[in-house]
C-alpha atoms as a PDB file:
ATOM      1  CA  MET A   1      79.469  83.366  98.926  1.00  0.00           C
ATOM      2  CA  SER A   2      81.715  82.157  96.191  1.00  0.00           C
ATOM      3  CA  GLY A   3      82.589  82.957  92.654  1.00  0.00           C
ATOM      4  CA  TYR A   4      83.560  85.997  90.666  1.00  0.00           C
ATOM      5  CA  LEU A   5      82.667  87.775  87.462  1.00  0.00           C
ATOM      6  CA  PHE A   6      84.608  90.256  85.368  1.00  0.00           C
ATOM      7  CA  TYR A   7      83.473  93.702  84.268  1.00  0.00           C
ATOM      8  CA  PRO A   8      84.802  94.629  80.787  1.00  0.00           C
ATOM      9  CA  PRO A   9      87.863  96.644  81.967  1.00  0.00           C
ATOM     10  CA  ALA A  10      89.048  93.769  84.171  1.00  0.00           C
ATOM     11  CA  ASP A  11      88.376  91.203  81.466  1.00  0.00           C
ATOM     12  CA  ALA A  12      90.456  93.238  79.010  1.00  0.00           C
ATOM     13  CA  ALA A  13      93.224  93.599  81.610  1.00  0.00           C
ATOM     14  CA  GLN A  14      93.268  89.841  82.065  1.00  0.00           C
ATOM     15  CA  ASP A  15      93.793  89.411  78.324  1.00  0.00           C
ATOM     16  CA  ARG A  16      96.638  91.968  78.359  1.00  0.00           C
ATOM     17  CA  ILE A  17      98.299  90.251  81.323  1.00  0.00           C
ATOM     18  CA  TRP A  18      98.200  86.949  79.453  1.00  0.00           C
ATOM     19  CA  ALA A  19      99.636  88.418  76.238  1.00  0.00           C
ATOM     20  CA  ASP A  20     102.339  90.428  78.013  1.00  0.00           C
ATOM     21  CA  THR A  21     103.400  87.464  80.147  1.00  0.00           C
ATOM     22  CA  VAL A  22     103.593  85.127  77.142  1.00  0.00           C
ATOM     23  CA  GLU A  23     105.667  87.711  75.277  1.00  0.00           C
ATOM     24  CA  GLN A  24     108.066  88.385  78.182  1.00  0.00           C
ATOM     25  CA  TRP A  25     108.373  85.013  79.911  1.00  0.00           C
ATOM     26  CA  GLY A  26     106.638  82.397  77.769  1.00  0.00           C
ATOM     27  CA  LYS A  27     103.420  80.436  77.814  1.00  0.00           C
ATOM     28  CA  ALA A  28     104.299  78.257  80.816  1.00  0.00           C
ATOM     29  CA  GLN A  29     104.823  81.323  83.024  1.00  0.00           C
ATOM     30  CA  ALA A  30     101.602  82.888  81.705  1.00  0.00           C
ATOM     31  CA  VAL A  31      99.676  79.745  82.654  1.00  0.00           C
ATOM     32  CA  THR A  32     101.267  79.772  86.126  1.00  0.00           C
ATOM     33  CA  TYR A  33     100.509  83.462  86.698  1.00  0.00           C
ATOM     34  CA  MET A  34      96.929  83.317  85.444  1.00  0.00           C
ATOM     35  CA  THR A  35      96.194  80.138  87.397  1.00  0.00           C
ATOM     36  CA  GLY A  36      97.498  81.832  90.528  1.00  0.00           C
ATOM     37  CA  LEU A  37      95.451  84.956  89.799  1.00  0.00           C
ATOM     38  CA  HIS A  38      92.245  82.942  89.435  1.00  0.00           C
ATOM     39  CA  THR A  39      93.031  80.942  92.568  1.00  0.00           C
ATOM     40  CA  HIS A  40      93.458  84.240  94.429  1.00  0.00           C
ATOM     41  CA  LEU A  41      90.153  85.557  93.054  1.00  0.00           C
ATOM     42  CA  GLN A  42      88.320  82.423  94.148  1.00  0.00           C
ATOM     43  CA  LYS A  43      89.826  82.702  97.624  1.00  0.00           C
ATOM     44  CA  LEU A  44      88.761  86.364  97.776  1.00  0.00           C
ATOM     45  CA  SER A  45      85.229  85.405  96.826  1.00  0.00           C
ATOM     46  CA  GLU A  46      85.111  82.934  99.725  1.00  0.00           C
ATOM     47  CA  THR A  47      87.004  84.907 102.393  1.00  0.00           C
ATOM     48  CA  ARG A  48      85.651  88.365 103.164  1.00  0.00           C
ATOM     49  CA  SER A  49      88.337  88.937 105.806  1.00  0.00           C
ATOM     50  CA  LEU A  50      90.856  89.306 102.946  1.00  0.00           C
ATOM     51  CA  TRP A  51      88.978  92.289 101.498  1.00  0.00           C
ATOM     52  CA  ARG A  52      90.424  95.759 102.037  1.00  0.00           C
ATOM     53  CA  LYS A  53      87.993  98.635 101.688  1.00  0.00           C
ATOM     54  CA  LEU A  54      88.933 101.196  99.088  1.00  0.00           C
ATOM     55  CA  PRO A  55      88.645 104.709 100.517  1.00  0.00           C
ATOM     56  CA  ARG A  56      85.554 106.193  98.880  1.00  0.00           C
ATOM     57  CA  ASP A  57      87.070 109.604  98.240  1.00  0.00           C
ATOM     58  CA  LEU A  58      90.158 108.171  96.551  1.00  0.00           C
ATOM     59  CA  VAL A  59      88.969 107.392  93.031  1.00  0.00           C
ATOM     60  CA  ILE A  60      85.335 106.344  93.001  1.00  0.00           C
ATOM     61  CA  PRO A  61      83.293 108.780  90.902  1.00  0.00           C
ATOM     62  CA  THR A  62      81.183 110.872  93.280  1.00  0.00           C
ATOM     63  CA  ASP A  63      77.878 109.935  91.669  1.00  0.00           C
ATOM     64  CA  LEU A  64      78.356 106.220  92.389  1.00  0.00           C
ATOM     65  CA  ARG A  65      77.153 104.573  95.594  1.00  0.00           C
ATOM     66  CA  THR A  66      79.411 101.593  94.998  1.00  0.00           C
ATOM     67  CA  GLU A  67      81.396 100.224  97.900  1.00  0.00           C
ATOM     68  CA  ALA A  68      84.685  98.983  96.483  1.00  0.00           C
ATOM     69  CA  PHE A  69      87.393  96.722  97.830  1.00  0.00           C
ATOM     70  CA  PHE A  70      90.876  95.762  96.742  1.00  0.00           C
ATOM     71  CA  SER A  71      93.464  93.065  97.104  1.00  0.00           C
ATOM     72  CA  ARG A  72      96.927  92.503  95.734  1.00  0.00           C
ATOM     73  CA  TYR A  73      98.110  89.513  93.764  1.00  0.00           C
ATOM     74  CA  GLU A  74     101.853  89.620  93.074  1.00  0.00           C
ATOM     75  CA  ARG A  75     102.352  92.708  90.835  1.00  0.00           C
ATOM     76  CA  HIS A  76      98.640  93.492  90.323  1.00  0.00           C
ATOM     77  CA  PHE A  77      95.968  95.220  92.354  1.00  0.00           C
ATOM     78  CA  LEU A  78      92.466  93.797  92.022  1.00  0.00           C
ATOM     79  CA  PHE A  79      89.508  96.117  92.539  1.00  0.00           C
ATOM     80  CA  PHE A  80      86.109  94.563  93.115  1.00  0.00           C
ATOM     81  CA  ARG A  81      82.670  94.899  94.654  1.00  0.00           C
ATOM     82  CA  GLU A  82      80.171  92.520  96.141  1.00  0.00           C
ATOM     83  CA  LEU A  83      77.375  91.660  93.731  1.00  0.00           C
ATOM     84  CA  PRO A  84      73.746  91.107  94.784  1.00  0.00           C
ATOM     85  CA  SER A  85      74.241  87.395  94.016  1.00  0.00           C
ATOM     86  CA  GLY A  86      76.988  87.177  96.634  1.00  0.00           C
ATOM     87  CA  LYS A  87      79.722  86.806  94.041  1.00  0.00           C
ATOM     88  CA  ILE A  88      82.370  89.461  93.609  1.00  0.00           C
ATOM     89  CA  GLY A  89      82.553  91.625  90.504  1.00  0.00           C
ATOM     90  CA  ILE A  90      86.111  92.367  89.403  1.00  0.00           C
ATOM     91  CA  MET A  91      86.045  95.955  88.150  1.00  0.00           C
ATOM     92  CA  ALA A  92      89.730  96.541  87.425  1.00  0.00           C
ATOM     93  CA  ILE A  93      93.096  94.773  87.478  1.00  0.00           C
ATOM     94  CA  LEU A  94      96.012  97.205  87.511  1.00  0.00           C
ATOM     95  CA  HIS A  95      99.768  96.625  87.540  1.00  0.00           C
ATOM     96  CA  ASP A  96     101.621  98.223  90.441  1.00  0.00           C
ATOM     97  CA  ARG A  97     103.653 100.391  88.053  1.00  0.00           C
ATOM     98  CA  MET A  98     100.556 102.081  86.638  1.00  0.00           C
ATOM     99  CA  ASP A  99      99.202 105.400  87.865  1.00  0.00           C
ATOM    100  CA  ILE A 100      96.616 103.542  89.894  1.00  0.00           C
ATOM    101  CA  PRO A 101      94.306 106.409  90.955  1.00  0.00           C
ATOM    102  CA  VAL A 102      94.050 107.707  87.389  1.00  0.00           C
ATOM    103  CA  ARG A 103      93.605 104.295  85.750  1.00  0.00           C
ATOM    104  CA  LEU A 104      91.127 103.097  88.361  1.00  0.00           C
ATOM    105  CA  HIS A 105      89.046 106.233  87.943  1.00  0.00           C
ATOM    106  CA  GLU A 106      89.042 105.661  84.169  1.00  0.00           C
ATOM    107  CA  ASP A 107      87.969 102.025  84.551  1.00  0.00           C
ATOM    108  CA  LEU A 108      85.218 102.822  87.054  1.00  0.00           C
ATOM    109  CA  THR A 109      83.943 105.712  84.964  1.00  0.00           C
ATOM    110  CA  SER A 110      83.766 103.430  81.914  1.00  0.00           C
ATOM    111  CA  ILE A 111      81.388 101.083  83.772  1.00  0.00           C
ATOM    112  CA  SER A 112      79.596 103.678  85.907  1.00  0.00           C
ATOM    113  CA  ASP A 113      76.202 103.295  84.174  1.00  0.00           C
ATOM    114  CA  ARG A 114      76.277  99.564  84.747  1.00  0.00           C
ATOM    115  CA  LEU A 115      77.306 100.010  88.386  1.00  0.00           C
ATOM    116  CA  ARG A 116      74.456 102.491  88.957  1.00  0.00           C
ATOM    117  CA  ASP A 117      71.965 100.024  87.471  1.00  0.00           C
ATOM    118  CA  GLU A 118      73.177  97.255  89.792  1.00  0.00           C
ATOM    119  CA  ASP A 119      72.913  99.356  92.975  1.00  0.00           C
END
């Protein structure tokens, strides 16, 4: 298994991370951070032992059968699932200062129809 795809909330988060990093620390640091993030995602997609199961009753909407996992990269938590293709689908990327349960629930709810269709 290898590779990863982004769901819309995670793709938008990636864009925000880039813009915020460029604004705060410059383009060179943004390139370094995003390169490291994508390296981490690739390693996750190839190494299941790095996955940590997200407790189902924490934030996953009750009508979803999705099994979710998470990992941390520096100041961000990455939430993902295994796709039928064997790749991982990145559902959300949240900064550690965010209200993670609330924001994750919002992100998963926003893609819940798509997740149901894939299960």
